[in-house]
Amino acid sequence: AAAASPQLALLVNNTANWQPGFLEARKAVRQGVLGEVRSVSCVFAAPLGWLFEGADHVRWSRSEGSMRGNGFGWGQLSHTFAWVFGVTGLTPATVFAAAVHSESTGADIHDA
């Protein structure tokens, strides 16, 4: 019975979702100012090679315990997805992903 209605929550800190630019974009999209949203192309890029490939930052680059991965996608894409879905209100019908992993740490350093 407990499994049928779990009392769990996953919280992700995406503070960019409440910045003025996000709120203005969401309002414009939801009010139809930009017309119907038929597709979304979004890029999030940051010079974080030093973090995900650096030996001094293994907490950011290596999986531990039951973790399934670590790196750019795991740490950054949640922010991108939250912004896109928060602005558009869309739910993806299909998804595709590819990643390039660091030879030194195994962290994903490029995602598409």
C-alpha atoms as a PDB file:
ATOM      1  CA  ALA A   1       0.000   0.000   0.000  1.00  0.00           C
ATOM      2  CA  ALA A   2       2.818   2.412   0.855  1.00  0.00           C
ATOM      3  CA  ALA A   3       4.402   1.827  -2.567  1.00  0.00           C
ATOM      4  CA  ALA A   4       1.130   2.778  -4.265  1.00  0.00           C
ATOM      5  CA  SER A   5       1.286   6.288  -2.806  1.00  0.00           C
ATOM      6  CA  PRO A   6       4.877   7.127  -1.871  1.00  0.00           C
ATOM      7  CA  GLN A   7       5.528  10.124   0.347  1.00  0.00           C
ATOM      8  CA  LEU A   8       8.767  11.171  -1.315  1.00  0.00           C
ATOM      9  CA  ALA A   9       9.895  14.343  -3.001  1.00  0.00           C
ATOM     10  CA  LEU A  10      12.897  15.144  -5.204  1.00  0.00           C
ATOM     11  CA  LEU A  11      13.960  18.757  -4.840  1.00  0.00           C
ATOM     12  CA  VAL A  12      16.371  20.375  -7.304  1.00  0.00           C
ATOM     13  CA  ASN A  13      17.651  23.880  -6.646  1.00  0.00           C
ATOM     14  CA  ASN A  14      16.973  25.733  -9.891  1.00  0.00           C
ATOM     15  CA  THR A  15      16.965  29.314  -8.698  1.00  0.00           C
ATOM     16  CA  ALA A  16      17.277  30.630 -12.270  1.00  0.00           C
ATOM     17  CA  ASN A  17      13.622  29.667 -12.674  1.00  0.00           C
ATOM     18  CA  TRP A  18      12.539  32.581 -10.556  1.00  0.00           C
ATOM     19  CA  GLN A  19      14.742  35.288 -12.064  1.00  0.00           C
ATOM     20  CA  PRO A  20      13.045  38.148 -13.956  1.00  0.00           C
ATOM     21  CA  GLY A  21      14.111  36.803 -17.382  1.00  0.00           C
ATOM     22  CA  PHE A  22      12.519  33.420 -16.681  1.00  0.00           C
ATOM     23  CA  LEU A  23       9.294  34.973 -15.422  1.00  0.00           C
ATOM     24  CA  GLU A  24       9.056  37.308 -18.429  1.00  0.00           C
ATOM     25  CA  ALA A  25       9.769  34.504 -20.902  1.00  0.00           C
ATOM     26  CA  ARG A  26       7.216  32.203 -19.260  1.00  0.00           C
ATOM     27  CA  LYS A  27       4.575  34.925 -19.285  1.00  0.00           C
ATOM     28  CA  ALA A  28       5.206  35.729 -22.973  1.00  0.00           C
ATOM     29  CA  VAL A  29       5.037  32.072 -24.005  1.00  0.00           C
ATOM     30  CA  ARG A  30       1.996  31.243 -21.920  1.00  0.00           C
ATOM     31  CA  GLN A  31       0.114  34.317 -23.165  1.00  0.00           C
ATOM     32  CA  GLY A  32       0.886  33.438 -26.782  1.00  0.00           C
ATOM     33  CA  VAL A  33       2.938  36.580 -27.413  1.00  0.00           C
ATOM     34  CA  LEU A  34       5.490  34.487 -29.311  1.00  0.00           C
ATOM     35  CA  GLY A  35       2.932  32.266 -31.023  1.00  0.00           C
ATOM     36  CA  GLU A  36       2.658  28.492 -30.647  1.00  0.00           C
ATOM     37  CA  VAL A  37       5.802  26.727 -29.438  1.00  0.00           C
ATOM     38  CA  ARG A  38       6.375  23.826 -31.839  1.00  0.00           C
ATOM     39  CA  SER A  39       9.937  22.885 -30.999  1.00  0.00           C
ATOM     40  CA  VAL A  40      12.676  23.885 -28.587  1.00  0.00           C
ATOM     41  CA  SER A  41      16.409  24.048 -29.158  1.00  0.00           C
ATOM     42  CA  CYS A  42      18.414  24.994 -26.110  1.00  0.00           C
ATOM     43  CA  VAL A  43      22.151  25.093 -25.434  1.00  0.00           C
ATOM     44  CA  PHE A  44      23.807  25.288 -22.034  1.00  0.00           C
ATOM     45  CA  ALA A  45      27.561  25.621 -22.203  1.00  0.00           C
ATOM     46  CA  ALA A  46      30.077  26.393 -19.499  1.00  0.00           C
ATOM     47  CA  PRO A  47      33.873  26.093 -19.303  1.00  0.00           C
ATOM     48  CA  LEU A  48      33.877  23.409 -16.609  1.00  0.00           C
ATOM     49  CA  GLY A  49      36.598  21.085 -17.883  1.00  0.00           C
ATOM     50  CA  TRP A  50      38.744  22.092 -14.913  1.00  0.00           C
ATOM     51  CA  LEU A  51      36.004  20.824 -12.609  1.00  0.00           C
ATOM     52  CA  PHE A  52      35.049  17.570 -14.317  1.00  0.00           C
ATOM     53  CA  GLU A  53      38.531  16.511 -15.403  1.00  0.00           C
ATOM     54  CA  GLY A  54      40.586  17.840 -12.501  1.00  0.00           C
ATOM     55  CA  ALA A  55      42.026  15.322 -10.059  1.00  0.00           C
ATOM     56  CA  ASP A  56      41.350  17.791  -7.233  1.00  0.00           C
ATOM     57  CA  HIS A  57      37.592  17.699  -7.849  1.00  0.00           C
ATOM     58  CA  VAL A  58      36.705  14.014  -7.795  1.00  0.00           C
ATOM     59  CA  ARG A  59      33.468  14.685  -5.881  1.00  0.00           C
ATOM     60  CA  TRP A  60      32.229  16.414  -9.052  1.00  0.00           C
ATOM     61  CA  SER A  61      33.546  13.876 -11.514  1.00  0.00           C
ATOM     62  CA  ARG A  62      33.469  10.335 -10.116  1.00  0.00           C
ATOM     63  CA  SER A  63      30.402   8.332  -9.221  1.00  0.00           C
ATOM     64  CA  GLU A  64      30.185   7.091  -5.638  1.00  0.00           C
ATOM     65  CA  GLY A  65      28.063   4.432  -4.013  1.00  0.00           C
ATOM     66  CA  SER A  66      24.772   3.981  -5.857  1.00  0.00           C
ATOM     67  CA  MET A  67      25.301   6.986  -8.152  1.00  0.00           C
ATOM     68  CA  ARG A  68      24.765   6.187 -11.832  1.00  0.00           C
ATOM     69  CA  GLY A  69      27.001   8.950 -13.173  1.00  0.00           C
ATOM     70  CA  ASN A  70      28.466  12.366 -12.610  1.00  0.00           C
ATOM     71  CA  GLY A  71      29.641  15.342 -14.616  1.00  0.00           C
ATOM     72  CA  PHE A  72      28.148  18.066 -16.755  1.00  0.00           C
ATOM     73  CA  GLY A  73      24.864  16.385 -17.609  1.00  0.00           C
ATOM     74  CA  TRP A  74      24.200  15.198 -14.074  1.00  0.00           C
ATOM     75  CA  GLY A  75      25.058  18.533 -12.500  1.00  0.00           C
ATOM     76  CA  GLN A  76      23.990  21.084 -15.096  1.00  0.00           C
ATOM     77  CA  LEU A  77      21.328  19.753 -17.444  1.00  0.00           C
ATOM     78  CA  SER A  78      18.720  19.638 -14.695  1.00  0.00           C
ATOM     79  CA  HIS A  79      18.869  23.434 -14.652  1.00  0.00           C
ATOM     80  CA  THR A  80      18.460  23.647 -18.427  1.00  0.00           C
ATOM     81  CA  PHE A  81      15.550  21.217 -18.518  1.00  0.00           C
ATOM     82  CA  ALA A  82      13.799  22.955 -15.626  1.00  0.00           C
ATOM     83  CA  TRP A  83      14.114  26.309 -17.407  1.00  0.00           C
ATOM     84  CA  VAL A  84      12.854  25.034 -20.770  1.00  0.00           C
ATOM     85  CA  PHE A  85       9.930  23.076 -19.336  1.00  0.00           C
ATOM     86  CA  GLY A  86       9.108  25.845 -16.863  1.00  0.00           C
ATOM     87  CA  VAL A  87       8.943  28.494 -19.598  1.00  0.00           C
ATOM     88  CA  THR A  88       7.116  26.427 -22.190  1.00  0.00           C
ATOM     89  CA  GLY A  89       4.937  24.176 -20.057  1.00  0.00           C
ATOM     90  CA  LEU A  90       5.725  21.422 -22.560  1.00  0.00           C
ATOM     91  CA  THR A  91       6.219  17.732 -21.814  1.00  0.00           C
ATOM     92  CA  PRO A  92       8.631  15.945 -24.148  1.00  0.00           C
ATOM     93  CA  ALA A  93       7.155  13.223 -26.353  1.00  0.00           C
ATOM     94  CA  THR A  94      10.546  11.687 -27.146  1.00  0.00           C
ATOM     95  CA  VAL A  95      14.100  12.270 -26.014  1.00  0.00           C
ATOM     96  CA  PHE A  96      17.579  11.367 -27.213  1.00  0.00           C
ATOM     97  CA  ALA A  97      20.878  11.885 -25.465  1.00  0.00           C
ATOM     98  CA  ALA A  98      24.553  11.303 -26.177  1.00  0.00           C
ATOM     99  CA  ALA A  99      27.553  12.024 -23.987  1.00  0.00           C
ATOM    100  CA  VAL A 100      31.326  12.239 -24.222  1.00  0.00           C
ATOM    101  CA  HIS A 101      33.208  11.084 -21.142  1.00  0.00           C
ATOM    102  CA  SER A 102      36.521  12.274 -19.734  1.00  0.00           C
ATOM    103  CA  GLU A 103      39.309   9.756 -20.223  1.00  0.00           C
ATOM    104  CA  SER A 104      40.820  10.716 -16.865  1.00  0.00           C
ATOM    105  CA  THR A 105      37.745  10.823 -14.585  1.00  0.00           C
ATOM    106  CA  GLY A 106      34.884   9.199 -16.481  1.00  0.00           C
ATOM    107  CA  ALA A 107      32.667  12.251 -15.955  1.00  0.00           C
ATOM    108  CA  ASP A 108      30.457  13.282 -18.826  1.00  0.00           C
ATOM    109  CA  ILE A 109      31.963  16.486 -20.207  1.00  0.00           C
ATOM    110  CA  HIS A 110      29.784  17.038 -23.271  1.00  0.00           C
ATOM    111  CA  ASP A 111      26.144  16.144 -23.749  1.00  0.00           C
ATOM    112  CA  ALA A 112      23.735  16.515 -26.624  1.00  0.00           C
END
